[in-house]
Amino acid sequence: MASSKEYLEFILEQLSELEDISYRAMMGEYILYYRGKIVGGIYDDRLLVKPTKTAVVMMPNADMELPYEGAKEMLLVDDVDNKEFLRDLLDAMYPELPASKNRK
């Protein structure tokens, strides 16, 4: 099942307090970038983020889920209605995210 454009727009609105949020559509899903680094994505209308140490601490009861078959597990963000939490989560995760790879 692909993610809906409406859910993407909802998540982007929830992240609107952050500067430099972008996304890229990929096979019916959306990869989310924060300041040029991949932070997670929207898969089957679920917001999943990379399981950085900080994200695990901030969401100790979060489920680990597969974005798609064959992928690494990611953390499911349940509290998508809380703009402040989402802002704090991405800000806290940012230093732990790997630098983006330059594409040729």
PDB file of N, CA and C in Angstrom:
ATOM      1  N   MET A   1       0.836  -1.178   0.000  1.00  0.00           N
ATOM      2  CA  MET A   1       0.000   0.000   0.000  1.00  0.00           C
ATOM      3  C   MET A   1       0.882   1.243   0.000  1.00  0.00           C
ATOM      4  N   ALA A   2       0.641   2.134  -0.879  1.00  0.00           N
ATOM      5  CA  ALA A   2       1.408   3.372  -0.954  1.00  0.00           C
ATOM      6  C   ALA A   2       0.855   4.387   0.041  1.00  0.00           C
ATOM      7  N   SER A   3       1.693   5.340   0.411  1.00  0.00           N
ATOM      8  CA  SER A   3       1.261   6.404   1.312  1.00  0.00           C
ATOM      9  C   SER A   3       0.487   7.457   0.536  1.00  0.00           C
ATOM     10  N   SER A   4      -0.445   8.092   1.230  1.00  0.00           N
ATOM     11  CA  SER A   4      -1.268   9.109   0.585  1.00  0.00           C
ATOM     12  C   SER A   4      -0.574  10.470   0.619  1.00  0.00           C
ATOM     13  N   LYS A   5      -0.859  11.266  -0.373  1.00  0.00           N
ATOM     14  CA  LYS A   5      -0.335  12.639  -0.432  1.00  0.00           C
ATOM     15  C   LYS A   5      -0.892  13.444   0.755  1.00  0.00           C
ATOM     16  N   GLU A   6      -2.106  13.122   1.176  1.00  0.00           N
ATOM     17  CA  GLU A   6      -2.714  13.827   2.315  1.00  0.00           C
ATOM     18  C   GLU A   6      -1.925  13.573   3.601  1.00  0.00           C
ATOM     19  N   TYR A   7      -1.493  12.330   3.813  1.00  0.00           N
ATOM     20  CA  TYR A   7      -0.712  12.037   5.016  1.00  0.00           C
ATOM     21  C   TYR A   7       0.640  12.740   4.946  1.00  0.00           C
ATOM     22  N   LEU A   8       1.266  12.749   3.785  1.00  0.00           N
ATOM     23  CA  LEU A   8       2.521  13.483   3.611  1.00  0.00           C
ATOM     24  C   LEU A   8       2.323  14.945   3.964  1.00  0.00           C
ATOM     25  N   GLU A   9       1.271  15.557   3.440  1.00  0.00           N
ATOM     26  CA  GLU A   9       1.020  16.976   3.712  1.00  0.00           C
ATOM     27  C   GLU A   9       0.772  17.223   5.199  1.00  0.00           C
ATOM     28  N   PHE A  10       0.070  16.291   5.869  1.00  0.00           N
ATOM     29  CA  PHE A  10      -0.151  16.409   7.308  1.00  0.00           C
ATOM     30  C   PHE A  10       1.175  16.391   8.063  1.00  0.00           C
ATOM     31  N   ILE A  11       2.034  15.433   7.742  1.00  0.00           N
ATOM     32  CA  ILE A  11       3.335  15.334   8.421  1.00  0.00           C
ATOM     33  C   ILE A  11       4.183  16.567   8.136  1.00  0.00           C
ATOM     34  N   LEU A  12       4.198  17.040   6.897  1.00  0.00           N
ATOM     35  CA  LEU A  12       4.971  18.250   6.571  1.00  0.00           C
ATOM     36  C   LEU A  12       4.454  19.450   7.360  1.00  0.00           C
ATOM     37  N   GLU A  13       3.161  19.543   7.540  1.00  0.00           N
ATOM     38  CA  GLU A  13       2.599  20.626   8.363  1.00  0.00           C
ATOM     39  C   GLU A  13       3.050  20.474   9.813  1.00  0.00           C
ATOM     40  N   GLN A  14       3.058  19.253  10.315  1.00  0.00           N
ATOM     41  CA  GLN A  14       3.497  19.010  11.698  1.00  0.00           C
ATOM     42  C   GLN A  14       4.969  19.382  11.880  1.00  0.00           C
ATOM     43  N   LEU A  15       5.761  19.277  10.818  1.00  0.00           N
ATOM     44  CA  LEU A  15       7.194  19.583  10.881  1.00  0.00           C
ATOM     45  C   LEU A  15       7.500  21.016  10.420  1.00  0.00           C
ATOM     46  N   SER A  16       6.468  21.815  10.227  1.00  0.00           N
ATOM     47  CA  SER A  16       6.645  23.142   9.635  1.00  0.00           C
ATOM     48  C   SER A  16       7.449  24.110  10.495  1.00  0.00           C
ATOM     49  N   GLU A  17       7.623  23.818  11.775  1.00  0.00           N
ATOM     50  CA  GLU A  17       8.433  24.687  12.635  1.00  0.00           C
ATOM     51  C   GLU A  17       9.930  24.489  12.391  1.00  0.00           C
ATOM     52  N   LEU A  18      10.285  23.419  11.709  1.00  0.00           N
ATOM     53  CA  LEU A  18      11.687  23.136  11.397  1.00  0.00           C
ATOM     54  C   LEU A  18      12.044  23.722  10.033  1.00  0.00           C
ATOM     55  N   GLU A  19      13.233  24.251   9.926  1.00  0.00           N
ATOM     56  CA  GLU A  19      13.695  24.751   8.635  1.00  0.00           C
ATOM     57  C   GLU A  19      14.356  23.623   7.860  1.00  0.00           C
ATOM     58  N   ASP A  20      14.250  23.687   6.555  1.00  0.00           N
ATOM     59  CA  ASP A  20      14.933  22.767   5.650  1.00  0.00           C
ATOM     60  C   ASP A  20      14.453  21.321   5.774  1.00  0.00           C
ATOM     61  N   ILE A  21      13.140  21.154   5.831  1.00  0.00           N
ATOM     62  CA  ILE A  21      12.532  19.822   5.714  1.00  0.00           C
ATOM     63  C   ILE A  21      12.203  19.617   4.247  1.00  0.00           C
ATOM     64  N   SER A  22      12.597  18.494   3.712  1.00  0.00           N
ATOM     65  CA  SER A  22      12.259  18.179   2.328  1.00  0.00           C
ATOM     66  C   SER A  22      11.929  16.697   2.232  1.00  0.00           C
ATOM     67  N   TYR A  23      11.455  16.305   1.071  1.00  0.00           N
ATOM     68  CA  TYR A  23      11.109  14.901   0.877  1.00  0.00           C
ATOM     69  C   TYR A  23      11.359  14.524  -0.571  1.00  0.00           C
ATOM     70  N   ARG A  24      11.431  13.234  -0.782  1.00  0.00           N
ATOM     71  CA  ARG A  24      11.555  12.703  -2.133  1.00  0.00           C
ATOM     72  C   ARG A  24      10.624  11.500  -2.241  1.00  0.00           C
ATOM     73  N   ALA A  25       9.818  11.506  -3.277  1.00  0.00           N
ATOM     74  CA  ALA A  25       8.922  10.374  -3.516  1.00  0.00           C
ATOM     75  C   ALA A  25       9.739   9.211  -4.065  1.00  0.00           C
ATOM     76  N   MET A  26       9.442   8.018  -3.536  1.00  0.00           N
ATOM     77  CA  MET A  26      10.137   6.835  -4.008  1.00  0.00           C
ATOM     78  C   MET A  26       9.207   5.637  -3.912  1.00  0.00           C
ATOM     79  N   MET A  27       8.813   5.109  -5.046  1.00  0.00           N
ATOM     80  CA  MET A  27       7.987   3.907  -5.138  1.00  0.00           C
ATOM     81  C   MET A  27       6.719   4.002  -4.282  1.00  0.00           C
ATOM     82  N   GLY A  28       6.036   5.130  -4.344  1.00  0.00           N
ATOM     83  CA  GLY A  28       4.783   5.298  -3.625  1.00  0.00           C
ATOM     84  C   GLY A  28       4.939   5.699  -2.172  1.00  0.00           C
ATOM     85  N   GLU A  29       6.160   5.858  -1.724  1.00  0.00           N
ATOM     86  CA  GLU A  29       6.433   6.272  -0.351  1.00  0.00           C
ATOM     87  C   GLU A  29       7.243   7.567  -0.394  1.00  0.00           C
ATOM     88  N   TYR A  30       7.599   8.111   0.782  1.00  0.00           N
ATOM     89  CA  TYR A  30       8.307   9.391   0.837  1.00  0.00           C
ATOM     90  C   TYR A  30       9.465   9.320   1.822  1.00  0.00           C
ATOM     91  N   ILE A  31      10.642   9.659   1.348  1.00  0.00           N
ATOM     92  CA  ILE A  31      11.820   9.747   2.212  1.00  0.00           C
ATOM     93  C   ILE A  31      11.897  11.182   2.722  1.00  0.00           C
ATOM     94  N   LEU A  32      12.083  11.339   4.037  1.00  0.00           N
ATOM     95  CA  LEU A  32      12.140  12.663   4.637  1.00  0.00           C
ATOM     96  C   LEU A  32      13.578  13.057   4.939  1.00  0.00           C
ATOM     97  N   TYR A  33      13.899  14.299   4.619  1.00  0.00           N
ATOM     98  CA  TYR A  33      15.217  14.861   4.863  1.00  0.00           C
ATOM     99  C   TYR A  33      15.088  16.031   5.813  1.00  0.00           C
ATOM    100  N   TYR A  34      16.042  16.136   6.720  1.00  0.00           N
ATOM    101  CA  TYR A  34      16.142  17.294   7.609  1.00  0.00           C
ATOM    102  C   TYR A  34      17.536  17.861   7.450  1.00  0.00           C
ATOM    103  N   ARG A  35      17.612  19.088   6.961  1.00  0.00           N
ATOM    104  CA  ARG A  35      18.889  19.768   6.714  1.00  0.00           C
ATOM    105  C   ARG A  35      19.829  18.878   5.894  1.00  0.00           C
ATOM    106  N   GLY A  36      19.265  18.218   4.890  1.00  0.00           N
ATOM    107  CA  GLY A  36      20.057  17.437   3.950  1.00  0.00           C
ATOM    108  C   GLY A  36      20.357  16.010   4.364  1.00  0.00           C
ATOM    109  N   LYS A  37      19.958  15.608   5.565  1.00  0.00           N
ATOM    110  CA  LYS A  37      20.206  14.241   6.027  1.00  0.00           C
ATOM    111  C   LYS A  37      18.890  13.461   6.069  1.00  0.00           C
ATOM    112  N   ILE A  38      18.953  12.190   5.722  1.00  0.00           N
ATOM    113  CA  ILE A  38      17.754  11.346   5.786  1.00  0.00           C
ATOM    114  C   ILE A  38      17.441  11.064   7.252  1.00  0.00           C
ATOM    115  N   VAL A  39      16.237  11.450   7.665  1.00  0.00           N
ATOM    116  CA  VAL A  39      15.816  11.252   9.042  1.00  0.00           C
ATOM    117  C   VAL A  39      14.849  10.073   9.163  1.00  0.00           C
ATOM    118  N   GLY A  40      14.173   9.765   8.070  1.00  0.00           N
ATOM    119  CA  GLY A  40      13.207   8.682   8.077  1.00  0.00           C
ATOM    120  C   GLY A  40      12.328   8.771   6.849  1.00  0.00           C
ATOM    121  N   GLY A  41      11.070   8.406   7.025  1.00  0.00           N
ATOM    122  CA  GLY A  41      10.176   8.467   5.885  1.00  0.00           C
ATOM    123  C   GLY A  41       8.754   8.141   6.254  1.00  0.00           C
ATOM    124  N   ILE A  42       7.920   8.246   5.240  1.00  0.00           N
ATOM    125  CA  ILE A  42       6.515   7.895   5.379  1.00  0.00           C
ATOM    126  C   ILE A  42       6.297   6.644   4.543  1.00  0.00           C
ATOM    127  N   TYR A  43       5.887   5.590   5.232  1.00  0.00           N
ATOM    128  CA  TYR A  43       5.699   4.290   4.609  1.00  0.00           C
ATOM    129  C   TYR A  43       4.333   3.760   5.021  1.00  0.00           C
ATOM    130  N   ASP A  44       3.482   3.465   4.067  1.00  0.00           N
ATOM    131  CA  ASP A  44       2.129   2.971   4.356  1.00  0.00           C
ATOM    132  C   ASP A  44       1.404   3.879   5.357  1.00  0.00           C
ATOM    133  N   ASP A  45       1.517   5.181   5.140  1.00  0.00           N
ATOM    134  CA  ASP A  45       0.893   6.188   6.014  1.00  0.00           C
ATOM    135  C   ASP A  45       1.325   6.034   7.472  1.00  0.00           C
ATOM    136  N   ARG A  46       2.598   5.717   7.663  1.00  0.00           N
ATOM    137  CA  ARG A  46       3.215   5.669   8.997  1.00  0.00           C
ATOM    138  C   ARG A  46       4.466   6.513   8.942  1.00  0.00           C
ATOM    139  N   LEU A  47       4.727   7.295   9.988  1.00  0.00           N
ATOM    140  CA  LEU A  47       5.976   8.042  10.086  1.00  0.00           C
ATOM    141  C   LEU A  47       6.982   7.155  10.808  1.00  0.00           C
ATOM    142  N   LEU A  48       8.047   6.801  10.104  1.00  0.00           N
ATOM    143  CA  LEU A  48       9.119   5.988  10.675  1.00  0.00           C
ATOM    144  C   LEU A  48      10.401   6.812  10.652  1.00  0.00           C
ATOM    145  N   VAL A  49      11.192   6.718  11.725  1.00  0.00           N
ATOM    146  CA  VAL A  49      12.473   7.427  11.782  1.00  0.00           C
ATOM    147  C   VAL A  49      13.595   6.441  12.062  1.00  0.00           C
ATOM    148  N   LYS A  50      14.802   6.881  11.727  1.00  0.00           N
ATOM    149  CA  LYS A  50      15.968   6.033  11.985  1.00  0.00           C
ATOM    150  C   LYS A  50      16.123   5.830  13.489  1.00  0.00           C
ATOM    151  N   PRO A  51      16.515   4.646  13.904  1.00  0.00           N
ATOM    152  CA  PRO A  51      16.628   4.360  15.333  1.00  0.00           C
ATOM    153  C   PRO A  51      17.951   4.841  15.935  1.00  0.00           C
ATOM    154  N   THR A  52      18.131   6.150  15.958  1.00  0.00           N
ATOM    155  CA  THR A  52      19.335   6.700  16.593  1.00  0.00           C
ATOM    156  C   THR A  52      19.225   6.508  18.104  1.00  0.00           C
ATOM    157  N   LYS A  53      20.335   6.634  18.805  1.00  0.00           N
ATOM    158  CA  LYS A  53      20.314   6.474  20.260  1.00  0.00           C
ATOM    159  C   LYS A  53      19.340   7.453  20.901  1.00  0.00           C
ATOM    160  N   THR A  54      19.369   8.680  20.448  1.00  0.00           N
ATOM    161  CA  THR A  54      18.484   9.704  21.013  1.00  0.00           C
ATOM    162  C   THR A  54      17.025   9.393  20.738  1.00  0.00           C
ATOM    163  N   ALA A  55      16.713   8.954  19.530  1.00  0.00           N
ATOM    164  CA  ALA A  55      15.321   8.631  19.194  1.00  0.00           C
ATOM    165  C   ALA A  55      14.809   7.494  20.069  1.00  0.00           C
ATOM    166  N   VAL A  56      15.645   6.501  20.316  1.00  0.00           N
ATOM    167  CA  VAL A  56      15.252   5.371  21.167  1.00  0.00           C
ATOM    168  C   VAL A  56      15.002   5.864  22.596  1.00  0.00           C
ATOM    169  N   VAL A  57      15.838   6.771  23.089  1.00  0.00           N
ATOM    170  CA  VAL A  57      15.654   7.314  24.439  1.00  0.00           C
ATOM    171  C   VAL A  57      14.367   8.140  24.514  1.00  0.00           C
ATOM    172  N   MET A  58      14.100   8.923  23.481  1.00  0.00           N
ATOM    173  CA  MET A  58      12.915   9.792  23.477  1.00  0.00           C
ATOM    174  C   MET A  58      11.618   9.011  23.274  1.00  0.00           C
ATOM    175  N   MET A  59      11.718   7.834  22.667  1.00  0.00           N
ATOM    176  CA  MET A  59      10.530   6.995  22.418  1.00  0.00           C
ATOM    177  C   MET A  59      10.810   5.569  22.892  1.00  0.00           C
ATOM    178  N   PRO A  60      10.972   5.370  24.201  1.00  0.00           N
ATOM    179  CA  PRO A  60      11.391   4.055  24.701  1.00  0.00           C
ATOM    180  C   PRO A  60      10.397   2.931  24.425  1.00  0.00           C
ATOM    181  N   ASN A  61       9.142   3.258  24.218  1.00  0.00           N
ATOM    182  CA  ASN A  61       8.130   2.228  23.986  1.00  0.00           C
ATOM    183  C   ASN A  61       7.728   2.114  22.521  1.00  0.00           C
ATOM    184  N   ALA A  62       8.459   2.785  21.647  1.00  0.00           N
ATOM    185  CA  ALA A  62       8.115   2.769  20.218  1.00  0.00           C
ATOM    186  C   ALA A  62       8.366   1.393  19.624  1.00  0.00           C
ATOM    187  N   ASP A  63       7.484   1.012  18.718  1.00  0.00           N
ATOM    188  CA  ASP A  63       7.645  -0.249  18.003  1.00  0.00           C
ATOM    189  C   ASP A  63       8.682  -0.085  16.900  1.00  0.00           C
ATOM    190  N   MET A  64       9.447  -1.151  16.687  1.00  0.00           N
ATOM    191  CA  MET A  64      10.360  -1.199  15.547  1.00  0.00           C
ATOM    192  C   MET A  64       9.588  -1.867  14.414  1.00  0.00           C
ATOM    193  N   GLU A  65       9.540  -1.203  13.263  1.00  0.00           N
ATOM    194  CA  GLU A  65       8.783  -1.741  12.136  1.00  0.00           C
ATOM    195  C   GLU A  65       9.601  -1.649  10.860  1.00  0.00           C
ATOM    196  N   LEU A  66       9.273  -2.518   9.934  1.00  0.00           N
ATOM    197  CA  LEU A  66       9.925  -2.508   8.627  1.00  0.00           C
ATOM    198  C   LEU A  66       9.207  -1.522   7.717  1.00  0.00           C
ATOM    199  N   PRO A  67       9.940  -0.607   7.100  1.00  0.00           N
ATOM    200  CA  PRO A  67       9.291   0.300   6.149  1.00  0.00           C
ATOM    201  C   PRO A  67       8.803  -0.454   4.911  1.00  0.00           C
ATOM    202  N   TYR A  68       9.575  -1.455   4.513  1.00  0.00           N
ATOM    203  CA  TYR A  68       9.215  -2.326   3.380  1.00  0.00           C
ATOM    204  C   TYR A  68      10.063  -3.579   3.515  1.00  0.00           C
ATOM    205  N   GLU A  69       9.665  -4.632   2.841  1.00  0.00           N
ATOM    206  CA  GLU A  69      10.367  -5.900   2.957  1.00  0.00           C
ATOM    207  C   GLU A  69      11.822  -5.761   2.506  1.00  0.00           C
ATOM    208  N   GLY A  70      12.719  -6.281   3.311  1.00  0.00           N
ATOM    209  CA  GLY A  70      14.135  -6.241   2.988  1.00  0.00           C
ATOM    210  C   GLY A  70      14.867  -5.033   3.550  1.00  0.00           C
ATOM    211  N   ALA A  71      14.144  -4.115   4.172  1.00  0.00           N
ATOM    212  CA  ALA A  71      14.758  -2.905   4.733  1.00  0.00           C
ATOM    213  C   ALA A  71      15.133  -3.130   6.195  1.00  0.00           C
ATOM    214  N   LYS A  72      15.917  -2.207   6.731  1.00  0.00           N
ATOM    215  CA  LYS A  72      16.233  -2.230   8.156  1.00  0.00           C
ATOM    216  C   LYS A  72      15.051  -1.674   8.936  1.00  0.00           C
ATOM    217  N   GLU A  73      14.871  -2.187  10.144  1.00  0.00           N
ATOM    218  CA  GLU A  73      13.780  -1.716  10.985  1.00  0.00           C
ATOM    219  C   GLU A  73      13.991  -0.255  11.380  1.00  0.00           C
ATOM    220  N   MET A  74      12.869   0.428  11.529  1.00  0.00           N
ATOM    221  CA  MET A  74      12.880   1.831  11.941  1.00  0.00           C
ATOM    222  C   MET A  74      11.883   1.995  13.083  1.00  0.00           C
ATOM    223  N   LEU A  75      11.981   3.121  13.765  1.00  0.00           N
ATOM    224  CA  LEU A  75      11.081   3.413  14.883  1.00  0.00           C
ATOM    225  C   LEU A  75       9.777   4.026  14.379  1.00  0.00           C
ATOM    226  N   LEU A  76       8.658   3.500  14.845  1.00  0.00           N
ATOM    227  CA  LEU A  76       7.356   4.054  14.516  1.00  0.00           C
ATOM    228  C   LEU A  76       7.076   5.232  15.444  1.00  0.00           C
ATOM    229  N   VAL A  77       6.765   6.387  14.866  1.00  0.00           N
ATOM    230  CA  VAL A  77       6.420   7.570  15.655  1.00  0.00           C
ATOM    231  C   VAL A  77       4.907   7.590  15.812  1.00  0.00           C
ATOM    232  N   ASP A  78       4.448   7.345  17.041  1.00  0.00           N
ATOM    233  CA  ASP A  78       3.010   7.337  17.316  1.00  0.00           C
ATOM    234  C   ASP A  78       2.457   8.733  17.567  1.00  0.00           C
ATOM    235  N   ASP A  79       3.269   9.599  18.148  1.00  0.00           N
ATOM    236  CA  ASP A  79       2.805  10.914  18.598  1.00  0.00           C
ATOM    237  C   ASP A  79       2.933  11.964  17.485  1.00  0.00           C
ATOM    238  N   VAL A  80       2.344  11.692  16.329  1.00  0.00           N
ATOM    239  CA  VAL A  80       2.479  12.603  15.189  1.00  0.00           C
ATOM    240  C   VAL A  80       1.637  13.862  15.346  1.00  0.00           C
ATOM    241  N   ASP A  81       0.721  13.888  16.314  1.00  0.00           N
ATOM    242  CA  ASP A  81      -0.106  15.078  16.527  1.00  0.00           C
ATOM    243  C   ASP A  81       0.605  16.134  17.362  1.00  0.00           C
ATOM    244  N   ASN A  82       1.741  15.790  17.947  1.00  0.00           N
ATOM    245  CA  ASN A  82       2.468  16.700  18.834  1.00  0.00           C
ATOM    246  C   ASN A  82       3.609  17.380  18.067  1.00  0.00           C
ATOM    247  N   LYS A  83       3.348  18.585  17.564  1.00  0.00           N
ATOM    248  CA  LYS A  83       4.339  19.310  16.762  1.00  0.00           C
ATOM    249  C   LYS A  83       5.633  19.566  17.543  1.00  0.00           C
ATOM    250  N   GLU A  84       5.490  19.928  18.812  1.00  0.00           N
ATOM    251  CA  GLU A  84       6.662  20.238  19.635  1.00  0.00           C
ATOM    252  C   GLU A  84       7.545  18.998  19.802  1.00  0.00           C
ATOM    253  N   PHE A  85       6.922  17.848  20.065  1.00  0.00           N
ATOM    254  CA  PHE A  85       7.682  16.609  20.202  1.00  0.00           C
ATOM    255  C   PHE A  85       8.415  16.277  18.907  1.00  0.00           C
ATOM    256  N   LEU A  86       7.729  16.391  17.769  1.00  0.00           N
ATOM    257  CA  LEU A  86       8.362  16.079  16.482  1.00  0.00           C
ATOM    258  C   LEU A  86       9.542  17.005  16.216  1.00  0.00           C
ATOM    259  N   ARG A  87       9.379  18.278  16.515  1.00  0.00           N
ATOM    260  CA  ARG A  87      10.475  19.237  16.342  1.00  0.00           C
ATOM    261  C   ARG A  87      11.669  18.847  17.208  1.00  0.00           C
ATOM    262  N   ASP A  88      11.395  18.578  18.483  1.00  0.00           N
ATOM    263  CA  ASP A  88      12.470  18.210  19.412  1.00  0.00           C
ATOM    264  C   ASP A  88      13.135  16.899  19.002  1.00  0.00           C
ATOM    265  N   LEU A  89      12.341  15.940  18.532  1.00  0.00           N
ATOM    266  CA  LEU A  89      12.870  14.646  18.114  1.00  0.00           C
ATOM    267  C   LEU A  89      13.854  14.809  16.960  1.00  0.00           C
ATOM    268  N   LEU A  90      13.447  15.501  15.911  1.00  0.00           N
ATOM    269  CA  LEU A  90      14.329  15.664  14.748  1.00  0.00           C
ATOM    270  C   LEU A  90      15.556  16.485  15.086  1.00  0.00           C
ATOM    271  N   ASP A  91      15.381  17.538  15.893  1.00  0.00           N
ATOM    272  CA  ASP A  91      16.541  18.340  16.314  1.00  0.00           C
ATOM    273  C   ASP A  91      17.538  17.495  17.101  1.00  0.00           C
ATOM    274  N   ALA A  92      17.031  16.645  17.995  1.00  0.00           N
ATOM    275  CA  ALA A  92      17.904  15.812  18.820  1.00  0.00           C
ATOM    276  C   ALA A  92      18.590  14.723  17.998  1.00  0.00           C
ATOM    277  N   MET A  93      17.889  14.199  16.996  1.00  0.00           N
ATOM    278  CA  MET A  93      18.449  13.134  16.161  1.00  0.00           C
ATOM    279  C   MET A  93      19.517  13.644  15.196  1.00  0.00           C
ATOM    280  N   TYR A  94      19.398  14.873  14.761  1.00  0.00           N
ATOM    281  CA  TYR A  94      20.217  15.389  13.667  1.00  0.00           C
ATOM    282  C   TYR A  94      21.719  15.123  13.829  1.00  0.00           C
ATOM    283  N   PRO A  95      22.334  15.411  14.986  1.00  0.00           N
ATOM    284  CA  PRO A  95      23.786  15.178  15.102  1.00  0.00           C
ATOM    285  C   PRO A  95      24.193  13.712  14.937  1.00  0.00           C
ATOM    286  N   GLU A  96      23.271  12.788  15.186  1.00  0.00           N
ATOM    287  CA  GLU A  96      23.586  11.362  15.106  1.00  0.00           C
ATOM    288  C   GLU A  96      23.363  10.779  13.715  1.00  0.00           C
ATOM    289  N   LEU A  97      22.756  11.539  12.834  1.00  0.00           N
ATOM    290  CA  LEU A  97      22.467  11.035  11.488  1.00  0.00           C
ATOM    291  C   LEU A  97      23.712  11.094  10.621  1.00  0.00           C
ATOM    292  N   PRO A  98      23.924  10.086   9.794  1.00  0.00           N
ATOM    293  CA  PRO A  98      25.089  10.128   8.900  1.00  0.00           C
ATOM    294  C   PRO A  98      24.937  11.219   7.845  1.00  0.00           C
ATOM    295  N   ALA A  99      26.054  11.746   7.412  1.00  0.00           N
ATOM    296  CA  ALA A  99      26.032  12.742   6.346  1.00  0.00           C
ATOM    297  C   ALA A  99      25.469  12.116   5.088  1.00  0.00           C
ATOM    298  N   SER A 100      24.772  12.915   4.321  1.00  0.00           N
ATOM    299  CA  SER A 100      24.203  12.385   3.087  1.00  0.00           C
ATOM    300  C   SER A 100      25.317  12.095   2.082  1.00  0.00           C
ATOM    301  N   LYS A 101      25.079  11.066   1.305  1.00  0.00           N
ATOM    302  CA  LYS A 101      26.059  10.691   0.283  1.00  0.00           C
ATOM    303  C   LYS A 101      25.779  11.490  -0.971  1.00  0.00           C
ATOM    304  N   ASN A 102      26.820  12.020  -1.562  1.00  0.00           N
ATOM    305  CA  ASN A 102      26.643  12.763  -2.811  1.00  0.00           C
ATOM    306  C   ASN A 102      26.314  11.799  -3.926  1.00  0.00           C
ATOM    307  N   ARG A 103      25.260  12.141  -4.682  1.00  0.00           N
ATOM    308  CA  ARG A 103      24.865  11.291  -5.805  1.00  0.00           C
ATOM    309  C   ARG A 103      25.514  11.839  -7.063  1.00  0.00           C
ATOM    310  N   LYS A 104      25.925  10.938  -7.925  1.00  0.00           N
ATOM    311  CA  LYS A 104      26.565  11.371  -9.170  1.00  0.00           C
ATOM    312  C   LYS A 104      25.551  11.584 -10.244  1.00  0.00           C
TER     313      LYS A 104
END
